[in-house]
Amino acid sequence: MQNTGTAIKPWYRLCLRCGKRIFSDLLDSEGMCDYCREVKSMKASVSRGRKERKARK
């Protein structure tokens, strides 16, 4: 007889930023999924660009 309850598979982990269950090999060293990593890099590049524009003025 099979277990009818839901079990979290050991190879899935939660993303530390969004909390989504992701296959553990797809998480980076900080524990973030690809989407959160892209969002973080986009925010960093935008803030870097603003600092450069502000410094030019």
PDB file of N, CA and C in Angstrom:
ATOM      1  N   MET A   1       0.839  -1.176   0.000  1.00  0.00           N
ATOM      2  CA  MET A   1       0.000   0.000   0.000  1.00  0.00           C
ATOM      3  C   MET A   1       0.889   1.245   0.000  1.00  0.00           C
ATOM      4  N   GLN A   2       0.546   2.202  -0.842  1.00  0.00           N
ATOM      5  CA  GLN A   2       1.365   3.402  -0.954  1.00  0.00           C
ATOM      6  C   GLN A   2       0.948   4.463   0.062  1.00  0.00           C
ATOM      7  N   ASN A   3       1.895   5.286   0.407  1.00  0.00           N
ATOM      8  CA  ASN A   3       1.628   6.382   1.326  1.00  0.00           C
ATOM      9  C   ASN A   3       0.836   7.458   0.585  1.00  0.00           C
ATOM     10  N   THR A   4      -0.293   7.885   1.134  1.00  0.00           N
ATOM     11  CA  THR A   4      -1.120   8.885   0.455  1.00  0.00           C
ATOM     12  C   THR A   4      -0.751  10.308   0.840  1.00  0.00           C
ATOM     13  N   GLY A   5       0.059  10.483   1.863  1.00  0.00           N
ATOM     14  CA  GLY A   5       0.469  11.817   2.291  1.00  0.00           C
ATOM     15  C   GLY A   5       1.530  12.386   1.356  1.00  0.00           C
ATOM     16  N   THR A   6       1.635  13.702   1.323  1.00  0.00           N
ATOM     17  CA  THR A   6       2.656  14.323   0.479  1.00  0.00           C
ATOM     18  C   THR A   6       3.974  14.365   1.230  1.00  0.00           C
ATOM     19  N   ALA A   7       5.024  14.081   0.523  1.00  0.00           N
ATOM     20  CA  ALA A   7       6.355  14.092   1.122  1.00  0.00           C
ATOM     21  C   ALA A   7       7.241  15.023   0.304  1.00  0.00           C
ATOM     22  N   ILE A   8       8.042  15.815   0.975  1.00  0.00           N
ATOM     23  CA  ILE A   8       8.993  16.672   0.277  1.00  0.00           C
ATOM     24  C   ILE A   8      10.178  15.805  -0.110  1.00  0.00           C
ATOM     25  N   LYS A   9      10.449  15.785  -1.371  1.00  0.00           N
ATOM     26  CA  LYS A   9      11.537  14.946  -1.854  1.00  0.00           C
ATOM     27  C   LYS A   9      12.867  15.545  -1.405  1.00  0.00           C
ATOM     28  N   PRO A  10      13.812  14.720  -1.030  1.00  0.00           N
ATOM     29  CA  PRO A  10      15.069  15.221  -0.472  1.00  0.00           C
ATOM     30  C   PRO A  10      15.912  16.017  -1.469  1.00  0.00           C
ATOM     31  N   TRP A  11      15.657  15.850  -2.761  1.00  0.00           N
ATOM     32  CA  TRP A  11      16.473  16.573  -3.729  1.00  0.00           C
ATOM     33  C   TRP A  11      15.888  17.940  -4.069  1.00  0.00           C
ATOM     34  N   TYR A  12      14.770  18.317  -3.462  1.00  0.00           N
ATOM     35  CA  TYR A  12      14.203  19.653  -3.616  1.00  0.00           C
ATOM     36  C   TYR A  12      14.493  20.472  -2.374  1.00  0.00           C
ATOM     37  N   ARG A  13      14.813  21.729  -2.576  1.00  0.00           N
ATOM     38  CA  ARG A  13      15.033  22.654  -1.456  1.00  0.00           C
ATOM     39  C   ARG A  13      14.309  23.945  -1.741  1.00  0.00           C
ATOM     40  N   LEU A  14      14.129  24.742  -0.716  1.00  0.00           N
ATOM     41  CA  LEU A  14      13.460  26.029  -0.867  1.00  0.00           C
ATOM     42  C   LEU A  14      14.473  27.116  -1.222  1.00  0.00           C
ATOM     43  N   CYS A  15      14.087  27.991  -2.134  1.00  0.00           N
ATOM     44  CA  CYS A  15      14.904  29.167  -2.435  1.00  0.00           C
ATOM     45  C   CYS A  15      14.861  30.071  -1.212  1.00  0.00           C
ATOM     46  N   LEU A  16      15.989  30.600  -0.812  1.00  0.00           N
ATOM     47  CA  LEU A  16      16.033  31.422   0.400  1.00  0.00           C
ATOM     48  C   LEU A  16      15.349  32.766   0.225  1.00  0.00           C
ATOM     49  N   ARG A  17      15.226  33.234  -1.001  1.00  0.00           N
ATOM     50  CA  ARG A  17      14.609  34.535  -1.232  1.00  0.00           C
ATOM     51  C   ARG A  17      13.108  34.443  -1.477  1.00  0.00           C
ATOM     52  N   CYS A  18      12.676  33.592  -2.413  1.00  0.00           N
ATOM     53  CA  CYS A  18      11.251  33.538  -2.766  1.00  0.00           C
ATOM     54  C   CYS A  18      10.507  32.383  -2.106  1.00  0.00           C
ATOM     55  N   GLY A  19      11.210  31.383  -1.608  1.00  0.00           N
ATOM     56  CA  GLY A  19      10.575  30.266  -0.925  1.00  0.00           C
ATOM     57  C   GLY A  19      10.022  29.194  -1.845  1.00  0.00           C
ATOM     58  N   LYS A  20      10.321  29.267  -3.129  1.00  0.00           N
ATOM     59  CA  LYS A  20       9.833  28.292  -4.097  1.00  0.00           C
ATOM     60  C   LYS A  20      10.658  27.004  -3.999  1.00  0.00           C
ATOM     61  N   ARG A  21      10.001  25.842  -4.145  1.00  0.00           N
ATOM     62  CA  ARG A  21      10.726  24.566  -4.119  1.00  0.00           C
ATOM     63  C   ARG A  21      11.447  24.379  -5.442  1.00  0.00           C
ATOM     64  N   ILE A  22      12.758  24.220  -5.403  1.00  0.00           N
ATOM     65  CA  ILE A  22      13.608  24.115  -6.581  1.00  0.00           C
ATOM     66  C   ILE A  22      14.493  22.885  -6.433  1.00  0.00           C
ATOM     67  N   PHE A  23      14.792  22.235  -7.544  1.00  0.00           N
ATOM     68  CA  PHE A  23      15.738  21.124  -7.533  1.00  0.00           C
ATOM     69  C   PHE A  23      17.067  21.632  -6.984  1.00  0.00           C
ATOM     70  N   SER A  24      17.660  20.928  -6.063  1.00  0.00           N
ATOM     71  CA  SER A  24      18.822  21.425  -5.317  1.00  0.00           C
ATOM     72  C   SER A  24      20.021  21.763  -6.203  1.00  0.00           C
ATOM     73  N   ASP A  25      20.171  21.101  -7.346  1.00  0.00           N
ATOM     74  CA  ASP A  25      21.292  21.411  -8.238  1.00  0.00           C
ATOM     75  C   ASP A  25      21.135  22.759  -8.926  1.00  0.00           C
ATOM     76  N   LEU A  26      19.921  23.297  -8.954  1.00  0.00           N
ATOM     77  CA  LEU A  26      19.679  24.576  -9.627  1.00  0.00           C
ATOM     78  C   LEU A  26      19.845  25.776  -8.707  1.00  0.00           C
ATOM     79  N   LEU A  27      20.075  25.528  -7.426  1.00  0.00           N
ATOM     80  CA  LEU A  27      20.323  26.616  -6.489  1.00  0.00           C
ATOM     81  C   LEU A  27      21.795  26.993  -6.512  1.00  0.00           C
ATOM     82  N   ASP A  28      22.078  28.292  -6.357  1.00  0.00           N
ATOM     83  CA  ASP A  28      23.477  28.705  -6.317  1.00  0.00           C
ATOM     84  C   ASP A  28      24.037  28.529  -4.916  1.00  0.00           C
ATOM     85  N   SER A  29      25.247  28.988  -4.700  1.00  0.00           N
ATOM     86  CA  SER A  29      25.899  28.793  -3.404  1.00  0.00           C
ATOM     87  C   SER A  29      25.208  29.555  -2.277  1.00  0.00           C
ATOM     88  N   GLU A  30      24.471  30.616  -2.624  1.00  0.00           N
ATOM     89  CA  GLU A  30      23.740  31.387  -1.617  1.00  0.00           C
ATOM     90  C   GLU A  30      22.350  30.805  -1.343  1.00  0.00           C
ATOM     91  N   GLY A  31      21.957  29.795  -2.120  1.00  0.00           N
ATOM     92  CA  GLY A  31      20.653  29.178  -1.926  1.00  0.00           C
ATOM     93  C   GLY A  31      19.533  29.860  -2.679  1.00  0.00           C
ATOM     94  N   MET A  32      19.867  30.628  -3.723  1.00  0.00           N
ATOM     95  CA  MET A  32      18.852  31.331  -4.506  1.00  0.00           C
ATOM     96  C   MET A  32      18.628  30.632  -5.843  1.00  0.00           C
ATOM     97  N   CYS A  33      17.389  30.695  -6.329  1.00  0.00           N
ATOM     98  CA  CYS A  33      17.057  30.115  -7.629  1.00  0.00           C
ATOM     99  C   CYS A  33      17.533  31.047  -8.746  1.00  0.00           C
ATOM    100  N   ASP A  34      17.433  30.578  -9.988  1.00  0.00           N
ATOM    101  CA  ASP A  34      17.884  31.358 -11.139  1.00  0.00           C
ATOM    102  C   ASP A  34      17.148  32.684 -11.244  1.00  0.00           C
ATOM    103  N   TYR A  35      15.841  32.658 -11.037  1.00  0.00           N
ATOM    104  CA  TYR A  35      15.046  33.881 -11.172  1.00  0.00           C
ATOM    105  C   TYR A  35      15.483  34.934 -10.156  1.00  0.00           C
ATOM    106  N   CYS A  36      15.620  34.551  -8.909  1.00  0.00           N
ATOM    107  CA  CYS A  36      16.014  35.507  -7.861  1.00  0.00           C
ATOM    108  C   CYS A  36      17.424  36.029  -8.107  1.00  0.00           C
ATOM    109  N   ARG A  37      18.305  35.176  -8.611  1.00  0.00           N
ATOM    110  CA  ARG A  37      19.666  35.592  -8.921  1.00  0.00           C
ATOM    111  C   ARG A  37      19.671  36.643 -10.034  1.00  0.00           C
ATOM    112  N   GLU A  38      18.822  36.444 -11.073  1.00  0.00           N
ATOM    113  CA  GLU A  38      18.720  37.407 -12.171  1.00  0.00           C
ATOM    114  C   GLU A  38      18.162  38.726 -11.676  1.00  0.00           C
ATOM    115  N   VAL A  39      17.140  38.683 -10.834  1.00  0.00           N
ATOM    116  CA  VAL A  39      16.552  39.902 -10.287  1.00  0.00           C
ATOM    117  C   VAL A  39      17.588  40.656  -9.462  1.00  0.00           C
ATOM    118  N   LYS A  40      18.346  39.936  -8.668  1.00  0.00           N
ATOM    119  CA  LYS A  40      19.375  40.555  -7.834  1.00  0.00           C
ATOM    120  C   LYS A  40      20.438  41.224  -8.702  1.00  0.00           C
ATOM    121  N   SER A  41      20.860  40.555  -9.789  1.00  0.00           N
ATOM    122  CA  SER A  41      21.887  41.140 -10.657  1.00  0.00           C
ATOM    123  C   SER A  41      21.343  42.350 -11.415  1.00  0.00           C
ATOM    124  N   MET A  42      20.050  42.313 -11.805  1.00  0.00           N
ATOM    125  CA  MET A  42      19.456  43.465 -12.492  1.00  0.00           C
ATOM    126  C   MET A  42      19.394  44.664 -11.560  1.00  0.00           C
ATOM    127  N   LYS A  43      19.005  44.448 -10.315  1.00  0.00           N
ATOM    128  CA  LYS A  43      18.938  45.545  -9.345  1.00  0.00           C
ATOM    129  C   LYS A  43      20.320  46.132  -9.097  1.00  0.00           C
ATOM    130  N   ALA A  44      21.336  45.274  -9.047  1.00  0.00           N
ATOM    131  CA  ALA A  44      22.702  45.746  -8.812  1.00  0.00           C
ATOM    132  C   ALA A  44      23.191  46.580  -9.987  1.00  0.00           C
ATOM    133  N   SER A  45      22.878  46.161 -11.217  1.00  0.00           N
ATOM    134  CA  SER A  45      23.348  46.915 -12.385  1.00  0.00           C
ATOM    135  C   SER A  45      22.620  48.250 -12.507  1.00  0.00           C
ATOM    136  N   VAL A  46      21.337  48.295 -12.146  1.00  0.00           N
ATOM    137  CA  VAL A  46      20.585  49.550 -12.197  1.00  0.00           C
ATOM    138  C   VAL A  46      21.129  50.526 -11.169  1.00  0.00           C
ATOM    139  N   SER A  47      21.371  50.069  -9.955  1.00  0.00           N
ATOM    140  CA  SER A  47      21.885  50.969  -8.918  1.00  0.00           C
ATOM    141  C   SER A  47      23.298  51.426  -9.254  1.00  0.00           C
ATOM    142  N   ARG A  48      24.089  50.562  -9.879  1.00  0.00           N
ATOM    143  CA  ARG A  48      25.437  50.938 -10.294  1.00  0.00           C
ATOM    144  C   ARG A  48      25.372  52.042 -11.363  1.00  0.00           C
ATOM    145  N   GLY A  49      24.436  51.901 -12.301  1.00  0.00           N
ATOM    146  CA  GLY A  49      24.270  52.898 -13.355  1.00  0.00           C
ATOM    147  C   GLY A  49      23.831  54.241 -12.806  1.00  0.00           C
ATOM    148  N   ARG A  50      22.966  54.231 -11.820  1.00  0.00           N
ATOM    149  CA  ARG A  50      22.505  55.483 -11.205  1.00  0.00           C
ATOM    150  C   ARG A  50      23.645  56.184 -10.473  1.00  0.00           C
ATOM    151  N   LYS A  51      24.487  55.401  -9.800  1.00  0.00           N
ATOM    152  CA  LYS A  51      25.612  55.991  -9.081  1.00  0.00           C
ATOM    153  C   LYS A  51      26.580  56.636 -10.071  1.00  0.00           C
ATOM    154  N   GLU A  52      26.816  55.978 -11.217  1.00  0.00           N
ATOM    155  CA  GLU A  52      27.717  56.528 -12.228  1.00  0.00           C
ATOM    156  C   GLU A  52      27.162  57.819 -12.819  1.00  0.00           C
ATOM    157  N   ARG A  53      25.864  57.851 -13.096  1.00  0.00           N
ATOM    158  CA  ARG A  53      25.246  59.072 -13.646  1.00  0.00           C
ATOM    159  C   ARG A  53      25.306  60.203 -12.635  1.00  0.00           C
ATOM    160  N   LYS A  54      25.069  59.875 -11.377  1.00  0.00           N
ATOM    161  CA  LYS A  54      25.090  60.896 -10.329  1.00  0.00           C
ATOM    162  C   LYS A  54      26.507  61.451 -10.157  1.00  0.00           C
ATOM    163  N   ALA A  55      27.514  60.600 -10.280  1.00  0.00           N
ATOM    164  CA  ALA A  55      28.910  61.014 -10.144  1.00  0.00           C
ATOM    165  C   ALA A  55      29.336  61.920 -11.308  1.00  0.00           C
ATOM    166  N   ARG A  56      28.760  61.708 -12.486  1.00  0.00           N
ATOM    167  CA  ARG A  56      29.109  62.529 -13.653  1.00  0.00           C
ATOM    168  C   ARG A  56      28.601  63.948 -13.523  1.00  0.00           C
ATOM    169  N   LYS A  57      27.490  64.148 -12.826  1.00  0.00           N
ATOM    170  CA  LYS A  57      26.886  65.491 -12.718  1.00  0.00           C
ATOM    171  C   LYS A  57      27.675  66.413 -11.870  1.00  0.00           C
TER     172      LYS A  57
END
